[in-house]
Amino acid sequence: MKANKLLIALSTLLISYSAAGEVHIEPPAVFFSDSAETVSSSFDKKTIRRKKTIAIGLAITLGPFGVHRLYLGTDYKVPVIYSVTLGAFGILPLTDIIAILASKNIEQYLNNQQIIMWIR
C-alpha cells in the first residue's frame, strides 16, 4: 500500500519552470501534508542563498556596470546609469553588497526598479 501511495505521489509531482530556467518540484500536499511545507521551505532557503551568492559575486566583479542588478531583475536603465557613472564611483555596488548580505530575504530586491535599491 505504501509503495502504491508513493508511486501515485511521484507521478503527480508539480513541476514548474521559472523565467531563469530553474526547476521547481513540489510534492503534492495530499500525500505529504507535513513534509510538503518542510521541503518547499528548505528549497526556498537554498534558492535564496544561491541568488544572494550569485548577486554578490556579480556585484564584486561587474558591480560598476550594474550586472548584478540585471540578474536581480531590474529595468535596463539602471545598469546604464551604473555604467555611465561607474556605479557612482564604486559606492553603489559596495552598498548593494552590504544590503544583500544584511537582508535575510532577497525578494525585496528582485524586480526593484529604483537606482538605489535599498530605499523604499
PDB file of N, CA and C in Angstrom:
ATOM      1  N   MET A   1       0.821  -1.194   0.000  1.00  0.00           N
ATOM      2  CA  MET A   1       0.000   0.000   0.000  1.00  0.00           C
ATOM      3  C   MET A   1       0.865   1.257   0.000  1.00  0.00           C
ATOM      4  N   LYS A   2       1.962   1.272   0.817  1.00  0.00           N
ATOM      5  CA  LYS A   2       2.826   2.447   0.862  1.00  0.00           C
ATOM      6  C   LYS A   2       3.533   2.674  -0.467  1.00  0.00           C
ATOM      7  N   ALA A   3       3.935   1.597  -1.134  1.00  0.00           N
ATOM      8  CA  ALA A   3       4.597   1.728  -2.432  1.00  0.00           C
ATOM      9  C   ALA A   3       3.635   2.306  -3.467  1.00  0.00           C
ATOM     10  N   ASN A   4       2.389   1.869  -3.412  1.00  0.00           N
ATOM     11  CA  ASN A   4       1.390   2.390  -4.332  1.00  0.00           C
ATOM     12  C   ASN A   4       1.154   3.878  -4.082  1.00  0.00           C
ATOM     13  N   LYS A   5       1.083   4.269  -2.824  1.00  0.00           N
ATOM     14  CA  LYS A   5       0.874   5.665  -2.459  1.00  0.00           C
ATOM     15  C   LYS A   5       2.069   6.516  -2.910  1.00  0.00           C
ATOM     16  N   LEU A   6       3.258   5.979  -2.750  1.00  0.00           N
ATOM     17  CA  LEU A   6       4.465   6.693  -3.169  1.00  0.00           C
ATOM     18  C   LEU A   6       4.512   6.841  -4.686  1.00  0.00           C
ATOM     19  N   LEU A   7       4.139   5.792  -5.395  1.00  0.00           N
ATOM     20  CA  LEU A   7       4.110   5.845  -6.857  1.00  0.00           C
ATOM     21  C   LEU A   7       3.124   6.892  -7.351  1.00  0.00           C
ATOM     22  N   ILE A   8       1.962   6.966  -6.742  1.00  0.00           N
ATOM     23  CA  ILE A   8       0.967   7.977  -7.116  1.00  0.00           C
ATOM     24  C   ILE A   8       1.494   9.373  -6.807  1.00  0.00           C
ATOM     25  N   ALA A   9       2.140   9.528  -5.672  1.00  0.00           N
ATOM     26  CA  ALA A   9       2.686  10.838  -5.294  1.00  0.00           C
ATOM     27  C   ALA A   9       3.771  11.274  -6.259  1.00  0.00           C
ATOM     28  N   LEU A  10       4.649  10.365  -6.631  1.00  0.00           N
ATOM     29  CA  LEU A  10       5.720  10.701  -7.564  1.00  0.00           C
ATOM     30  C   LEU A  10       5.182  11.042  -8.950  1.00  0.00           C
ATOM     31  N   SER A  11       4.097  10.384  -9.335  1.00  0.00           N
ATOM     32  CA  SER A  11       3.548  10.654 -10.659  1.00  0.00           C
ATOM     33  C   SER A  11       2.770  11.960 -10.715  1.00  0.00           C
ATOM     34  N   THR A  12       2.437  12.530  -9.559  1.00  0.00           N
ATOM     35  CA  THR A  12       1.672  13.775  -9.555  1.00  0.00           C
ATOM     36  C   THR A  12       2.486  14.950  -9.020  1.00  0.00           C
ATOM     37  N   LEU A  13       3.814  14.849  -9.100  1.00  0.00           N
ATOM     38  CA  LEU A  13       4.644  15.971  -8.663  1.00  0.00           C
ATOM     39  C   LEU A  13       4.334  17.204  -9.501  1.00  0.00           C
ATOM     40  N   LEU A  14       4.345  18.337  -8.829  1.00  0.00           N
ATOM     41  CA  LEU A  14       4.115  19.592  -9.523  1.00  0.00           C
ATOM     42  C   LEU A  14       5.455  20.140  -9.962  1.00  0.00           C
ATOM     43  N   ILE A  15       5.659  20.229 -11.266  1.00  0.00           N
ATOM     44  CA  ILE A  15       6.918  20.712 -11.810  1.00  0.00           C
ATOM     45  C   ILE A  15       6.641  22.025 -12.524  1.00  0.00           C
ATOM     46  N   SER A  16       7.396  23.056 -12.147  1.00  0.00           N
ATOM     47  CA  SER A  16       7.241  24.345 -12.807  1.00  0.00           C
ATOM     48  C   SER A  16       8.618  24.888 -13.142  1.00  0.00           C
ATOM     49  N   TYR A  17       8.657  25.741 -14.119  1.00  0.00           N
ATOM     50  CA  TYR A  17       9.904  26.345 -14.562  1.00  0.00           C
ATOM     51  C   TYR A  17       9.807  27.852 -14.378  1.00  0.00           C
ATOM     52  N   SER A  18      10.850  28.449 -13.803  1.00  0.00           N
ATOM     53  CA  SER A  18      10.865  29.897 -13.649  1.00  0.00           C
ATOM     54  C   SER A  18      11.456  30.530 -14.896  1.00  0.00           C
ATOM     55  N   ALA A  19      11.412  31.862 -14.950  1.00  0.00           N
ATOM     56  CA  ALA A  19      11.939  32.585 -16.108  1.00  0.00           C
ATOM     57  C   ALA A  19      13.444  32.400 -16.239  1.00  0.00           C
ATOM     58  N   ALA A  20      14.131  32.166 -15.128  1.00  0.00           N
ATOM     59  CA  ALA A  20      15.580  31.994 -15.152  1.00  0.00           C
ATOM     60  C   ALA A  20      15.973  30.562 -15.508  1.00  0.00           C
ATOM     61  N   GLY A  21      15.003  29.694 -15.752  1.00  0.00           N
ATOM     62  CA  GLY A  21      15.301  28.323 -16.130  1.00  0.00           C
ATOM     63  C   GLY A  21      15.447  27.384 -14.950  1.00  0.00           C
ATOM     64  N   GLU A  22      15.079  27.844 -13.744  1.00  0.00           N
ATOM     65  CA  GLU A  22      15.172  26.991 -12.568  1.00  0.00           C
ATOM     66  C   GLU A  22      13.965  26.057 -12.537  1.00  0.00           C
ATOM     67  N   VAL A  23      14.169  24.856 -12.083  1.00  0.00           N
ATOM     68  CA  VAL A  23      13.104  23.875 -11.996  1.00  0.00           C
ATOM     69  C   VAL A  23      12.646  23.801 -10.551  1.00  0.00           C
ATOM     70  N   HIS A  24      11.346  23.966 -10.346  1.00  0.00           N
ATOM     71  CA  HIS A  24      10.767  23.856  -9.011  1.00  0.00           C
ATOM     72  C   HIS A  24       9.918  22.595  -8.969  1.00  0.00           C
ATOM     73  N   ILE A  25      10.224  21.716  -8.037  1.00  0.00           N
ATOM     74  CA  ILE A  25       9.478  20.477  -7.894  1.00  0.00           C
ATOM     75  C   ILE A  25       8.868  20.459  -6.499  1.00  0.00           C
ATOM     76  N   GLU A  26       7.545  20.336  -6.440  1.00  0.00           N
ATOM     77  CA  GLU A  26       6.864  20.300  -5.162  1.00  0.00           C
ATOM     78  C   GLU A  26       6.031  19.028  -5.078  1.00  0.00           C
ATOM     79  N   PRO A  27       6.153  18.312  -3.967  1.00  0.00           N
ATOM     80  CA  PRO A  27       5.311  17.128  -3.808  1.00  0.00           C
ATOM     81  C   PRO A  27       3.875  17.548  -3.521  1.00  0.00           C
ATOM     82  N   PRO A  28       2.902  16.760  -3.931  1.00  0.00           N
ATOM     83  CA  PRO A  28       1.507  17.112  -3.669  1.00  0.00           C
ATOM     84  C   PRO A  28       1.215  17.058  -2.180  1.00  0.00           C
ATOM     85  N   ALA A  29       0.530  18.064  -1.674  1.00  0.00           N
ATOM     86  CA  ALA A  29       0.242  18.159  -0.249  1.00  0.00           C
ATOM     87  C   ALA A  29      -0.752  17.104   0.202  1.00  0.00           C
ATOM     88  N   VAL A  30      -1.492  16.498  -0.719  1.00  0.00           N
ATOM     89  CA  VAL A  30      -2.469  15.477  -0.364  1.00  0.00           C
ATOM     90  C   VAL A  30      -1.782  14.271   0.274  1.00  0.00           C
ATOM     91  N   PHE A  31      -0.628  13.885  -0.253  1.00  0.00           N
ATOM     92  CA  PHE A  31       0.049  12.698   0.224  1.00  0.00           C
ATOM     93  C   PHE A  31       1.069  13.012   1.316  1.00  0.00           C
ATOM     94  N   PHE A  32       1.668  14.181   1.261  1.00  0.00           N
ATOM     95  CA  PHE A  32       2.715  14.533   2.213  1.00  0.00           C
ATOM     96  C   PHE A  32       2.375  15.864   2.874  1.00  0.00           C
ATOM     97  N   SER A  33       1.307  15.930   3.585  1.00  0.00           N
ATOM     98  CA  SER A  33       0.849  17.211   4.124  1.00  0.00           C
ATOM     99  C   SER A  33       1.871  17.821   5.077  1.00  0.00           C
ATOM    100  N   ASP A  34       2.531  17.029   5.895  1.00  0.00           N
ATOM    101  CA  ASP A  34       3.514  17.580   6.824  1.00  0.00           C
ATOM    102  C   ASP A  34       4.837  17.872   6.140  1.00  0.00           C
ATOM    103  N   SER A  35       5.271  16.987   5.250  1.00  0.00           N
ATOM    104  CA  SER A  35       6.584  17.151   4.640  1.00  0.00           C
ATOM    105  C   SER A  35       6.583  18.129   3.478  1.00  0.00           C
ATOM    106  N   ALA A  36       5.431  18.442   2.910  1.00  0.00           N
ATOM    107  CA  ALA A  36       5.400  19.373   1.775  1.00  0.00           C
ATOM    108  C   ALA A  36       5.869  20.752   2.187  1.00  0.00           C
ATOM    109  N   GLU A  37       5.499  21.184   3.384  1.00  0.00           N
ATOM    110  CA  GLU A  37       5.912  22.503   3.845  1.00  0.00           C
ATOM    111  C   GLU A  37       7.410  22.546   4.129  1.00  0.00           C
ATOM    112  N   THR A  38       7.953  21.493   4.730  1.00  0.00           N
ATOM    113  CA  THR A  38       9.372  21.498   5.039  1.00  0.00           C
ATOM    114  C   THR A  38      10.217  21.392   3.784  1.00  0.00           C
ATOM    115  N   VAL A  39       9.758  20.629   2.792  1.00  0.00           N
ATOM    116  CA  VAL A  39      10.512  20.501   1.548  1.00  0.00           C
ATOM    117  C   VAL A  39      10.535  21.832   0.813  1.00  0.00           C
ATOM    118  N   SER A  40       9.372  22.489   0.675  1.00  0.00           N
ATOM    119  CA  SER A  40       9.329  23.739  -0.076  1.00  0.00           C
ATOM    120  C   SER A  40      10.056  24.852   0.666  1.00  0.00           C
ATOM    121  N   SER A  41      10.006  24.879   2.010  1.00  0.00           N
ATOM    122  CA  SER A  41      10.698  25.939   2.733  1.00  0.00           C
ATOM    123  C   SER A  41      12.211  25.759   2.664  1.00  0.00           C
ATOM    124  N   SER A  42      12.705  24.511   2.719  1.00  0.00           N
ATOM    125  CA  SER A  42      14.143  24.309   2.604  1.00  0.00           C
ATOM    126  C   SER A  42      14.616  24.605   1.184  1.00  0.00           C
ATOM    127  N   PHE A  43      13.783  24.321   0.199  1.00  0.00           N
ATOM    128  CA  PHE A  43      14.133  24.640  -1.186  1.00  0.00           C
ATOM    129  C   PHE A  43      14.189  26.144  -1.375  1.00  0.00           C
ATOM    130  N   ASP A  44      13.247  26.860  -0.787  1.00  0.00           N
ATOM    131  CA  ASP A  44      13.240  28.309  -0.893  1.00  0.00           C
ATOM    132  C   ASP A  44      14.487  28.910  -0.255  1.00  0.00           C
ATOM    133  N   LYS A  45      14.890  28.404   0.884  1.00  0.00           N
ATOM    134  CA  LYS A  45      16.092  28.923   1.545  1.00  0.00           C
ATOM    135  C   LYS A  45      17.332  28.666   0.693  1.00  0.00           C
ATOM    136  N   LYS A  46      17.388  27.496   0.074  1.00  0.00           N
ATOM    137  CA  LYS A  46      18.531  27.161  -0.782  1.00  0.00           C
ATOM    138  C   LYS A  46      18.562  28.062  -2.012  1.00  0.00           C
ATOM    139  N   THR A  47      17.398  28.305  -2.599  1.00  0.00           N
ATOM    140  CA  THR A  47      17.315  29.175  -3.771  1.00  0.00           C
ATOM    141  C   THR A  47      17.690  30.602  -3.411  1.00  0.00           C
ATOM    142  N   ILE A  48      17.202  31.079  -2.284  1.00  0.00           N
ATOM    143  CA  ILE A  48      17.520  32.435  -1.839  1.00  0.00           C
ATOM    144  C   ILE A  48      19.009  32.568  -1.579  1.00  0.00           C
ATOM    145  N   ARG A  49      19.598  31.582  -0.938  1.00  0.00           N
ATOM    146  CA  ARG A  49      21.038  31.622  -0.662  1.00  0.00           C
ATOM    147  C   ARG A  49      21.843  31.645  -1.960  1.00  0.00           C
ATOM    148  N   ARG A  50      21.411  30.850  -2.937  1.00  0.00           N
ATOM    149  CA  ARG A  50      22.117  30.817  -4.218  1.00  0.00           C
ATOM    150  C   ARG A  50      21.982  32.141  -4.965  1.00  0.00           C
ATOM    151  N   LYS A  51      20.780  32.720  -4.956  1.00  0.00           N
ATOM    152  CA  LYS A  51      20.573  34.013  -5.604  1.00  0.00           C
ATOM    153  C   LYS A  51      21.417  35.091  -4.945  1.00  0.00           C
ATOM    154  N   LYS A  52      21.494  35.079  -3.619  1.00  0.00           N
ATOM    155  CA  LYS A  52      22.321  36.064  -2.918  1.00  0.00           C
ATOM    156  C   LYS A  52      23.787  35.898  -3.288  1.00  0.00           C
ATOM    157  N   THR A  53      24.260  34.666  -3.339  1.00  0.00           N
ATOM    158  CA  THR A  53      25.658  34.401  -3.662  1.00  0.00           C
ATOM    159  C   THR A  53      25.995  34.862  -5.070  1.00  0.00           C
ATOM    160  N   ILE A  54      25.128  34.555  -6.017  1.00  0.00           N
ATOM    161  CA  ILE A  54      25.377  34.967  -7.401  1.00  0.00           C
ATOM    162  C   ILE A  54      25.329  36.485  -7.524  1.00  0.00           C
ATOM    163  N   ALA A  55      24.347  37.121  -6.883  1.00  0.00           N
ATOM    164  CA  ALA A  55      24.231  38.581  -6.953  1.00  0.00           C
ATOM    165  C   ALA A  55      25.456  39.259  -6.348  1.00  0.00           C
ATOM    166  N   ILE A  56      25.952  38.742  -5.236  1.00  0.00           N
ATOM    167  CA  ILE A  56      27.137  39.328  -4.607  1.00  0.00           C
ATOM    168  C   ILE A  56      28.363  39.115  -5.488  1.00  0.00           C
ATOM    169  N   GLY A  57      28.494  37.931  -6.071  1.00  0.00           N
ATOM    170  CA  GLY A  57      29.617  37.667  -6.972  1.00  0.00           C
ATOM    171  C   GLY A  57      29.609  38.593  -8.174  1.00  0.00           C
ATOM    172  N   LEU A  58      28.431  38.819  -8.735  1.00  0.00           N
ATOM    173  CA  LEU A  58      28.327  39.735  -9.868  1.00  0.00           C
ATOM    174  C   LEU A  58      28.605  41.177  -9.441  1.00  0.00           C
ATOM    175  N   ALA A  59      28.167  41.548  -8.239  1.00  0.00           N
ATOM    176  CA  ALA A  59      28.409  42.910  -7.756  1.00  0.00           C
ATOM    177  C   ALA A  59      29.897  43.142  -7.505  1.00  0.00           C
ATOM    178  N   ILE A  60      30.597  42.115  -7.045  1.00  0.00           N
ATOM    179  CA  ILE A  60      32.031  42.255  -6.795  1.00  0.00           C
ATOM    180  C   ILE A  60      32.792  42.374  -8.118  1.00  0.00           C
ATOM    181  N   THR A  61      32.446  41.535  -9.083  1.00  0.00           N
ATOM    182  CA  THR A  61      33.213  41.515 -10.332  1.00  0.00           C
ATOM    183  C   THR A  61      32.771  42.573 -11.336  1.00  0.00           C
ATOM    184  N   LEU A  62      31.463  42.741 -11.497  1.00  0.00           N
ATOM    185  CA  LEU A  62      30.945  43.653 -12.522  1.00  0.00           C
ATOM    186  C   LEU A  62      30.016  44.713 -11.941  1.00  0.00           C
ATOM    187  N   GLY A  63      30.198  45.019 -10.668  1.00  0.00           N
ATOM    188  CA  GLY A  63      29.332  45.965  -9.971  1.00  0.00           C
ATOM    189  C   GLY A  63      29.246  47.341 -10.583  1.00  0.00           C
ATOM    190  N   PRO A  64      30.357  47.952 -11.008  1.00  0.00           N
ATOM    191  CA  PRO A  64      30.259  49.292 -11.586  1.00  0.00           C
ATOM    192  C   PRO A  64      29.415  49.360 -12.858  1.00  0.00           C
ATOM    193  N   PHE A  65      29.126  48.220 -13.452  1.00  0.00           N
ATOM    194  CA  PHE A  65      28.302  48.188 -14.656  1.00  0.00           C
ATOM    195  C   PHE A  65      26.872  47.728 -14.367  1.00  0.00           C
ATOM    196  N   GLY A  66      26.564  47.397 -13.120  1.00  0.00           N
ATOM    197  CA  GLY A  66      25.207  47.048 -12.717  1.00  0.00           C
ATOM    198  C   GLY A  66      24.724  45.694 -13.176  1.00  0.00           C
ATOM    199  N   VAL A  67      25.621  44.779 -13.460  1.00  0.00           N
ATOM    200  CA  VAL A  67      25.213  43.448 -13.939  1.00  0.00           C
ATOM    201  C   VAL A  67      24.434  42.701 -12.854  1.00  0.00           C
ATOM    202  N   HIS A  68      24.796  42.899 -11.599  1.00  0.00           N
ATOM    203  CA  HIS A  68      24.069  42.243 -10.509  1.00  0.00           C
ATOM    204  C   HIS A  68      22.622  42.718 -10.449  1.00  0.00           C
ATOM    205  N   ARG A  69      22.379  43.953 -10.840  1.00  0.00           N
ATOM    206  CA  ARG A  69      21.014  44.473 -10.854  1.00  0.00           C
ATOM    207  C   ARG A  69      20.208  43.840 -11.995  1.00  0.00           C
ATOM    208  N   LEU A  70      20.858  43.570 -13.127  1.00  0.00           N
ATOM    209  CA  LEU A  70      20.181  42.846 -14.207  1.00  0.00           C
ATOM    210  C   LEU A  70      19.808  41.444 -13.747  1.00  0.00           C
ATOM    211  N   TYR A  71      20.711  40.800 -13.017  1.00  0.00           N
ATOM    212  CA  TYR A  71      20.434  39.462 -12.503  1.00  0.00           C
ATOM    213  C   TYR A  71      19.231  39.478 -11.542  1.00  0.00           C
ATOM    214  N   LEU A  72      19.115  40.550 -10.769  1.00  0.00           N
ATOM    215  CA  LEU A  72      18.013  40.648  -9.818  1.00  0.00           C
ATOM    216  C   LEU A  72      16.702  41.086 -10.467  1.00  0.00           C
ATOM    217  N   GLY A  73      16.734  41.426 -11.753  1.00  0.00           N
ATOM    218  CA  GLY A  73      15.510  41.682 -12.487  1.00  0.00           C
ATOM    219  C   GLY A  73      15.139  43.142 -12.634  1.00  0.00           C
ATOM    220  N   THR A  74      16.083  44.026 -12.578  1.00  0.00           N
ATOM    221  CA  THR A  74      15.768  45.440 -12.741  1.00  0.00           C
ATOM    222  C   THR A  74      15.612  45.811 -14.212  1.00  0.00           C
ATOM    223  N   ASP A  75      15.148  46.998 -14.455  1.00  0.00           N
ATOM    224  CA  ASP A  75      14.998  47.509 -15.811  1.00  0.00           C
ATOM    225  C   ASP A  75      16.377  47.799 -16.392  1.00  0.00           C
ATOM    226  N   TYR A  76      16.498  47.804 -17.702  1.00  0.00           N
ATOM    227  CA  TYR A  76      17.800  48.012 -18.348  1.00  0.00           C
ATOM    228  C   TYR A  76      18.368  49.406 -18.083  1.00  0.00           C
ATOM    229  N   LYS A  77      17.537  50.363 -17.703  1.00  0.00           N
ATOM    230  CA  LYS A  77      18.001  51.734 -17.469  1.00  0.00           C
ATOM    231  C   LYS A  77      18.945  51.829 -16.269  1.00  0.00           C
ATOM    232  N   VAL A  78      18.703  51.027 -15.257  1.00  0.00           N
ATOM    233  CA  VAL A  78      19.524  51.080 -14.044  1.00  0.00           C
ATOM    234  C   VAL A  78      20.980  50.705 -14.349  1.00  0.00           C
ATOM    235  N   PRO A  79      21.260  49.593 -15.037  1.00  0.00           N
ATOM    236  CA  PRO A  79      22.655  49.294 -15.373  1.00  0.00           C
ATOM    237  C   PRO A  79      23.294  50.330 -16.296  1.00  0.00           C
ATOM    238  N   VAL A  80      22.496  50.974 -17.132  1.00  0.00           N
ATOM    239  CA  VAL A  80      23.045  52.032 -17.978  1.00  0.00           C
ATOM    240  C   VAL A  80      23.541  53.178 -17.101  1.00  0.00           C
ATOM    241  N   ILE A  81      22.748  53.550 -16.109  1.00  0.00           N
ATOM    242  CA  ILE A  81      23.160  54.616 -15.185  1.00  0.00           C
ATOM    243  C   ILE A  81      24.375  54.179 -14.370  1.00  0.00           C
ATOM    244  N   TYR A  82      24.386  52.917 -13.944  1.00  0.00           N
ATOM    245  CA  TYR A  82      25.556  52.391 -13.231  1.00  0.00           C
ATOM    246  C   TYR A  82      26.794  52.499 -14.130  1.00  0.00           C
ATOM    247  N   SER A  83      26.658  52.127 -15.390  1.00  0.00           N
ATOM    248  CA  SER A  83      27.810  52.126 -16.299  1.00  0.00           C
ATOM    249  C   SER A  83      28.319  53.528 -16.579  1.00  0.00           C
ATOM    250  N   VAL A  84      27.416  54.466 -16.789  1.00  0.00           N
ATOM    251  CA  VAL A  84      27.818  55.840 -17.088  1.00  0.00           C
ATOM    252  C   VAL A  84      28.563  56.460 -15.912  1.00  0.00           C
ATOM    253  N   THR A  85      28.096  56.182 -14.700  1.00  0.00           N
ATOM    254  CA  THR A  85      28.721  56.764 -13.505  1.00  0.00           C
ATOM    255  C   THR A  85      29.710  55.813 -12.833  1.00  0.00           C
ATOM    256  N   LEU A  86      29.933  54.639 -13.460  1.00  0.00           N
ATOM    257  CA  LEU A  86      30.759  53.566 -12.861  1.00  0.00           C
ATOM    258  C   LEU A  86      30.286  53.251 -11.445  1.00  0.00           C
ATOM    259  N   GLY A  87      28.971  53.118 -11.327  1.00  0.00           N
ATOM    260  CA  GLY A  87      28.382  52.766 -10.039  1.00  0.00           C
ATOM    261  C   GLY A  87      28.597  53.845  -9.001  1.00  0.00           C
ATOM    262  N   ALA A  88      28.459  55.103  -9.442  1.00  0.00           N
ATOM    263  CA  ALA A  88      28.734  56.253  -8.563  1.00  0.00           C
ATOM    264  C   ALA A  88      30.123  56.092  -7.952  1.00  0.00           C
ATOM    265  N   PHE A  89      31.073  55.800  -8.840  1.00  0.00           N
ATOM    266  CA  PHE A  89      32.487  55.627  -8.470  1.00  0.00           C
ATOM    267  C   PHE A  89      32.689  54.489  -7.471  1.00  0.00           C
ATOM    268  N   GLY A  90      31.876  53.422  -7.609  1.00  0.00           N
ATOM    269  CA  GLY A  90      32.037  52.225  -6.793  1.00  0.00           C
ATOM    270  C   GLY A  90      31.231  52.220  -5.515  1.00  0.00           C
ATOM    271  N   ILE A  91      30.559  53.317  -5.210  1.00  0.00           N
ATOM    272  CA  ILE A  91      29.808  53.392  -3.952  1.00  0.00           C
ATOM    273  C   ILE A  91      28.534  52.553  -4.019  1.00  0.00           C
ATOM    274  N   LEU A  92      27.796  52.624  -5.125  1.00  0.00           N
ATOM    275  CA  LEU A  92      26.535  51.874  -5.244  1.00  0.00           C
ATOM    276  C   LEU A  92      26.732  50.361  -5.195  1.00  0.00           C
ATOM    277  N   PRO A  93      27.695  49.797  -5.925  1.00  0.00           N
ATOM    278  CA  PRO A  93      27.877  48.341  -5.804  1.00  0.00           C
ATOM    279  C   PRO A  93      28.290  47.915  -4.393  1.00  0.00           C
ATOM    280  N   LEU A  94      29.115  48.718  -3.743  1.00  0.00           N
ATOM    281  CA  LEU A  94      29.530  48.385  -2.373  1.00  0.00           C
ATOM    282  C   LEU A  94      28.339  48.390  -1.422  1.00  0.00           C
ATOM    283  N   THR A  95      27.494  49.401  -1.529  1.00  0.00           N
ATOM    284  CA  THR A  95      26.314  49.442  -0.662  1.00  0.00           C
ATOM    285  C   THR A  95      25.296  48.368  -1.049  1.00  0.00           C
ATOM    286  N   ASP A  96      25.233  48.007  -2.331  1.00  0.00           N
ATOM    287  CA  ASP A  96      24.361  46.903  -2.747  1.00  0.00           C
ATOM    288  C   ASP A  96      24.816  45.589  -2.119  1.00  0.00           C
ATOM    289  N   ILE A  97      26.121  45.366  -2.097  1.00  0.00           N
ATOM    290  CA  ILE A  97      26.663  44.150  -1.479  1.00  0.00           C
ATOM    291  C   ILE A  97      26.304  44.104  -0.002  1.00  0.00           C
ATOM    292  N   ILE A  98      26.466  45.215   0.680  1.00  0.00           N
ATOM    293  CA  ILE A  98      26.139  45.275   2.109  1.00  0.00           C
ATOM    294  C   ILE A  98      24.650  45.029   2.322  1.00  0.00           C
ATOM    295  N   ALA A  99      23.804  45.639   1.482  1.00  0.00           N
ATOM    296  CA  ALA A  99      22.352  45.453   1.617  1.00  0.00           C
ATOM    297  C   ALA A  99      21.952  44.000   1.365  1.00  0.00           C
ATOM    298  N   ILE A 100      22.553  43.375   0.365  1.00  0.00           N
ATOM    299  CA  ILE A 100      22.223  41.975   0.063  1.00  0.00           C
ATOM    300  C   ILE A 100      22.695  41.062   1.186  1.00  0.00           C
ATOM    301  N   LEU A 101      23.894  41.311   1.702  1.00  0.00           N
ATOM    302  CA  LEU A 101      24.399  40.497   2.804  1.00  0.00           C
ATOM    303  C   LEU A 101      23.566  40.662   4.070  1.00  0.00           C
ATOM    304  N   ALA A 102      23.100  41.873   4.330  1.00  0.00           N
ATOM    305  CA  ALA A 102      22.364  42.150   5.562  1.00  0.00           C
ATOM    306  C   ALA A 102      20.924  41.652   5.523  1.00  0.00           C
ATOM    307  N   SER A 103      20.373  41.464   4.334  1.00  0.00           N
ATOM    308  CA  SER A 103      18.972  41.054   4.245  1.00  0.00           C
ATOM    309  C   SER A 103      18.845  39.548   4.400  1.00  0.00           C
ATOM    310  N   LYS A 104      17.787  39.134   5.087  1.00  0.00           N
ATOM    311  CA  LYS A 104      17.515  37.709   5.229  1.00  0.00           C
ATOM    312  C   LYS A 104      16.811  37.166   3.990  1.00  0.00           C
ATOM    313  N   ASN A 105      16.041  38.033   3.344  1.00  0.00           N
ATOM    314  CA  ASN A 105      15.288  37.615   2.173  1.00  0.00           C
ATOM    315  C   ASN A 105      15.585  38.568   1.028  1.00  0.00           C
ATOM    316  N   ILE A 106      16.023  38.041  -0.070  1.00  0.00           N
ATOM    317  CA  ILE A 106      16.427  38.862  -1.213  1.00  0.00           C
ATOM    318  C   ILE A 106      15.232  39.280  -2.073  1.00  0.00           C
ATOM    319  N   GLU A 107      14.044  38.785  -1.758  1.00  0.00           N
ATOM    320  CA  GLU A 107      12.870  39.074  -2.578  1.00  0.00           C
ATOM    321  C   GLU A 107      12.556  40.554  -2.661  1.00  0.00           C
ATOM    322  N   GLN A 108      12.911  41.322  -1.642  1.00  0.00           N
ATOM    323  CA  GLN A 108      12.642  42.758  -1.681  1.00  0.00           C
ATOM    324  C   GLN A 108      13.481  43.468  -2.733  1.00  0.00           C
ATOM    325  N   TYR A 109      14.569  42.845  -3.170  1.00  0.00           N
ATOM    326  CA  TYR A 109      15.429  43.451  -4.184  1.00  0.00           C
ATOM    327  C   TYR A 109      15.166  42.917  -5.588  1.00  0.00           C
ATOM    328  N   LEU A 110      14.358  41.885  -5.710  1.00  0.00           N
ATOM    329  CA  LEU A 110      14.028  41.337  -7.020  1.00  0.00           C
ATOM    330  C   LEU A 110      13.057  42.272  -7.735  1.00  0.00           C
ATOM    331  N   ASN A 111      13.308  42.531  -8.993  1.00  0.00           N
ATOM    332  CA  ASN A 111      12.478  43.394  -9.837  1.00  0.00           C
ATOM    333  C   ASN A 111      12.315  44.794  -9.258  1.00  0.00           C
ATOM    334  N   ASN A 112      13.329  45.278  -8.569  1.00  0.00           N
ATOM    335  CA  ASN A 112      13.328  46.626  -7.996  1.00  0.00           C
ATOM    336  C   ASN A 112      13.813  47.594  -9.062  1.00  0.00           C
ATOM    337  N   GLN A 113      13.016  48.586  -9.383  1.00  0.00           N
ATOM    338  CA  GLN A 113      13.322  49.491 -10.487  1.00  0.00           C
ATOM    339  C   GLN A 113      14.020  50.779 -10.048  1.00  0.00           C
ATOM    340  N   GLN A 114      14.323  50.920  -8.767  1.00  0.00           N
ATOM    341  CA  GLN A 114      14.968  52.145  -8.287  1.00  0.00           C
ATOM    342  C   GLN A 114      16.479  52.067  -8.474  1.00  0.00           C
ATOM    343  N   ILE A 115      17.103  53.219  -8.661  1.00  0.00           N
ATOM    344  CA  ILE A 115      18.548  53.265  -8.800  1.00  0.00           C
ATOM    345  C   ILE A 115      19.205  52.789  -7.512  1.00  0.00           C
ATOM    346  N   ILE A 116      18.744  53.308  -6.397  1.00  0.00           N
ATOM    347  CA  ILE A 116      19.255  52.892  -5.087  1.00  0.00           C
ATOM    348  C   ILE A 116      18.262  51.861  -4.560  1.00  0.00           C
ATOM    349  N   MET A 117      18.610  50.593  -4.650  1.00  0.00           N
ATOM    350  CA  MET A 117      17.635  49.529  -4.448  1.00  0.00           C
ATOM    351  C   MET A 117      17.182  49.343  -3.004  1.00  0.00           C
ATOM    352  N   TRP A 118      17.954  49.775  -2.046  1.00  0.00           N
ATOM    353  CA  TRP A 118      17.589  49.535  -0.659  1.00  0.00           C
ATOM    354  C   TRP A 118      16.672  50.619  -0.105  1.00  0.00           C
ATOM    355  N   ILE A 119      16.419  51.696  -0.831  1.00  0.00           N
ATOM    356  CA  ILE A 119      15.488  52.742  -0.404  1.00  0.00           C
ATOM    357  C   ILE A 119      14.118  52.365  -0.924  1.00  0.00           C
ATOM    358  N   ARG A 120      13.125  52.421  -0.035  1.00  0.00           N
ATOM    359  CA  ARG A 120      11.767  52.023  -0.433  1.00  0.00           C
ATOM    360  C   ARG A 120      10.959  53.216  -0.838  1.00  0.00           C
TER     361      ARG A 120
END
